[in-house]
Amino acid sequence: MEKAHVEALENKHAAVQSQIDAEERRPNPDDILLHRLKKEKLRLKDEMLGLTVH
């Protein structure tokens, strides 16, 4: 179960990174959206690290 959860988090992490990349390529990126996406990416990373450390 835990492996599946980590894989799901990794997929979400990659999806958020894709959103960040797309937003950064826009002519006028939304700084607030970028900030929120980056915080979400860090939250997912922290959650993954918490699950893999045990």
N, C-alpha and C. Protein backbone atom coordinates (compact mmCIF):
# COMPACT_ATOMS: atom_id res chain seq x y z
N MET A 1 0.83 -1.21 0.00
CA MET A 1 0.00 0.00 0.00
C MET A 1 0.86 1.26 0.00
N GLU A 2 1.90 1.25 0.84
CA GLU A 2 2.74 2.45 0.95
C GLU A 2 3.44 2.75 -0.37
N LYS A 3 3.89 1.71 -1.08
CA LYS A 3 4.57 1.93 -2.36
C LYS A 3 3.61 2.59 -3.36
N ALA A 4 2.39 2.14 -3.38
CA ALA A 4 1.39 2.72 -4.28
C ALA A 4 1.14 4.19 -3.93
N HIS A 5 1.12 4.48 -2.63
CA HIS A 5 0.90 5.86 -2.19
C HIS A 5 2.07 6.75 -2.63
N VAL A 6 3.29 6.25 -2.46
CA VAL A 6 4.47 7.02 -2.87
C VAL A 6 4.44 7.25 -4.38
N GLU A 7 4.07 6.23 -5.14
CA GLU A 7 3.98 6.38 -6.60
C GLU A 7 2.92 7.41 -6.98
N ALA A 8 1.80 7.42 -6.29
CA ALA A 8 0.75 8.41 -6.55
C ALA A 8 1.27 9.81 -6.26
N LEU A 9 2.00 9.95 -5.16
CA LEU A 9 2.57 11.26 -4.82
C LEU A 9 3.59 11.70 -5.87
N GLU A 10 4.40 10.75 -6.34
CA GLU A 10 5.39 11.08 -7.38
C GLU A 10 4.70 11.56 -8.64
N ASN A 11 3.59 10.92 -8.99
CA ASN A 11 2.83 11.34 -10.18
C ASN A 11 2.25 12.73 -10.00
N LYS A 12 1.72 13.01 -8.81
CA LYS A 12 1.18 14.35 -8.53
C LYS A 12 2.30 15.38 -8.58
N HIS A 13 3.46 15.03 -8.01
CA HIS A 13 4.62 15.91 -7.99
C HIS A 13 5.03 16.26 -9.42
N ALA A 14 5.08 15.26 -10.29
CA ALA A 14 5.45 15.49 -11.69
C ALA A 14 4.40 16.36 -12.40
N ALA A 15 3.13 16.13 -12.09
CA ALA A 15 2.06 16.92 -12.70
C ALA A 15 2.16 18.39 -12.28
N VAL A 16 2.45 18.62 -11.01
CA VAL A 16 2.60 19.99 -10.53
C VAL A 16 3.80 20.65 -11.19
N GLN A 17 4.89 19.89 -11.36
CA GLN A 17 6.07 20.44 -12.03
C GLN A 17 5.73 20.82 -13.47
N SER A 18 4.93 20.02 -14.13
CA SER A 18 4.50 20.34 -15.50
C SER A 18 3.69 21.63 -15.53
N GLN A 19 2.83 21.81 -14.53
CA GLN A 19 2.04 23.04 -14.45
C GLN A 19 2.96 24.24 -14.23
N ILE A 20 3.96 24.07 -13.37
CA ILE A 20 4.92 25.15 -13.11
C ILE A 20 5.65 25.51 -14.40
N ASP A 21 6.14 24.49 -15.11
CA ASP A 21 6.86 24.72 -16.36
C ASP A 21 5.99 25.47 -17.37
N ALA A 22 4.75 25.04 -17.50
CA ALA A 22 3.84 25.68 -18.46
C ALA A 22 3.58 27.13 -18.08
N GLU A 23 3.37 27.37 -16.80
CA GLU A 23 3.09 28.74 -16.34
C GLU A 23 4.30 29.64 -16.55
N GLU A 24 5.50 29.10 -16.29
CA GLU A 24 6.72 29.90 -16.46
C GLU A 24 6.99 30.24 -17.91
N ARG A 25 6.48 29.44 -18.84
CA ARG A 25 6.68 29.70 -20.28
C ARG A 25 5.69 30.73 -20.83
N ARG A 26 4.64 31.01 -20.08
CA ARG A 26 3.65 31.99 -20.54
C ARG A 26 4.28 33.38 -20.61
N PRO A 27 3.78 34.24 -21.50
CA PRO A 27 4.33 35.60 -21.61
C PRO A 27 4.24 36.40 -20.30
N ASN A 28 3.13 36.28 -19.58
CA ASN A 28 2.97 36.98 -18.30
C ASN A 28 2.58 35.98 -17.23
N PRO A 29 3.56 35.23 -16.69
CA PRO A 29 3.22 34.21 -15.70
C PRO A 29 2.55 34.80 -14.47
N ASP A 30 1.64 34.05 -13.91
CA ASP A 30 0.92 34.45 -12.71
C ASP A 30 1.78 34.08 -11.49
N ASP A 31 2.38 35.09 -10.87
CA ASP A 31 3.30 34.86 -9.75
C ASP A 31 2.60 34.20 -8.56
N ILE A 32 1.36 34.56 -8.32
CA ILE A 32 0.62 33.98 -7.20
C ILE A 32 0.38 32.49 -7.45
N LEU A 33 -0.02 32.17 -8.66
CA LEU A 33 -0.23 30.77 -9.02
C LEU A 33 1.08 29.99 -8.93
N LEU A 34 2.16 30.56 -9.43
CA LEU A 34 3.46 29.88 -9.35
C LEU A 34 3.86 29.62 -7.90
N HIS A 35 3.65 30.60 -7.05
CA HIS A 35 3.98 30.45 -5.63
C HIS A 35 3.18 29.30 -5.02
N ARG A 36 1.88 29.26 -5.33
CA ARG A 36 1.01 28.22 -4.78
C ARG A 36 1.43 26.83 -5.31
N LEU A 37 1.75 26.75 -6.60
CA LEU A 37 2.17 25.47 -7.18
C LEU A 37 3.49 24.99 -6.58
N LYS A 38 4.41 25.91 -6.38
CA LYS A 38 5.70 25.53 -5.80
C LYS A 38 5.55 25.07 -4.35
N LYS A 39 4.65 25.71 -3.60
CA LYS A 39 4.39 25.26 -2.23
C LYS A 39 3.79 23.86 -2.23
N GLU A 40 2.87 23.60 -3.17
CA GLU A 40 2.26 22.28 -3.29
C GLU A 40 3.31 21.23 -3.66
N LYS A 41 4.20 21.59 -4.55
CA LYS A 41 5.27 20.66 -4.95
C LYS A 41 6.16 20.31 -3.75
N LEU A 42 6.50 21.31 -2.96
CA LEU A 42 7.30 21.06 -1.76
C LEU A 42 6.55 20.21 -0.73
N ARG A 43 5.24 20.46 -0.60
CA ARG A 43 4.44 19.67 0.34
C ARG A 43 4.42 18.20 -0.08
N LEU A 44 4.27 17.96 -1.37
CA LEU A 44 4.27 16.60 -1.88
C LEU A 44 5.64 15.94 -1.66
N LYS A 45 6.70 16.69 -1.90
CA LYS A 45 8.05 16.15 -1.69
C LYS A 45 8.26 15.79 -0.22
N ASP A 46 7.84 16.67 0.67
CA ASP A 46 7.97 16.39 2.10
C ASP A 46 7.18 15.15 2.49
N GLU A 47 5.98 15.01 1.94
CA GLU A 47 5.17 13.84 2.24
C GLU A 47 5.84 12.57 1.72
N MET A 48 6.41 12.64 0.52
CA MET A 48 7.10 11.47 -0.03
C MET A 48 8.30 11.10 0.84
N LEU A 49 9.06 12.10 1.26
CA LEU A 49 10.23 11.83 2.10
C LEU A 49 9.81 11.23 3.43
N GLY A 50 8.71 11.69 3.98
CA GLY A 50 8.21 11.15 5.24
C GLY A 50 7.82 9.70 5.12
N LEU A 51 7.31 9.31 3.96
CA LEU A 51 6.89 7.92 3.75
C LEU A 51 8.06 7.01 3.44
N THR A 52 9.09 7.54 2.80
CA THR A 52 10.21 6.68 2.39
C THR A 52 11.27 6.55 3.46
N VAL A 53 11.26 7.41 4.46
CA VAL A 53 12.27 7.36 5.52
C VAL A 53 12.03 6.18 6.46
N HIS A 54 10.78 5.82 6.68
CA HIS A 54 10.46 4.76 7.63
C HIS A 54 10.99 3.44 7.24
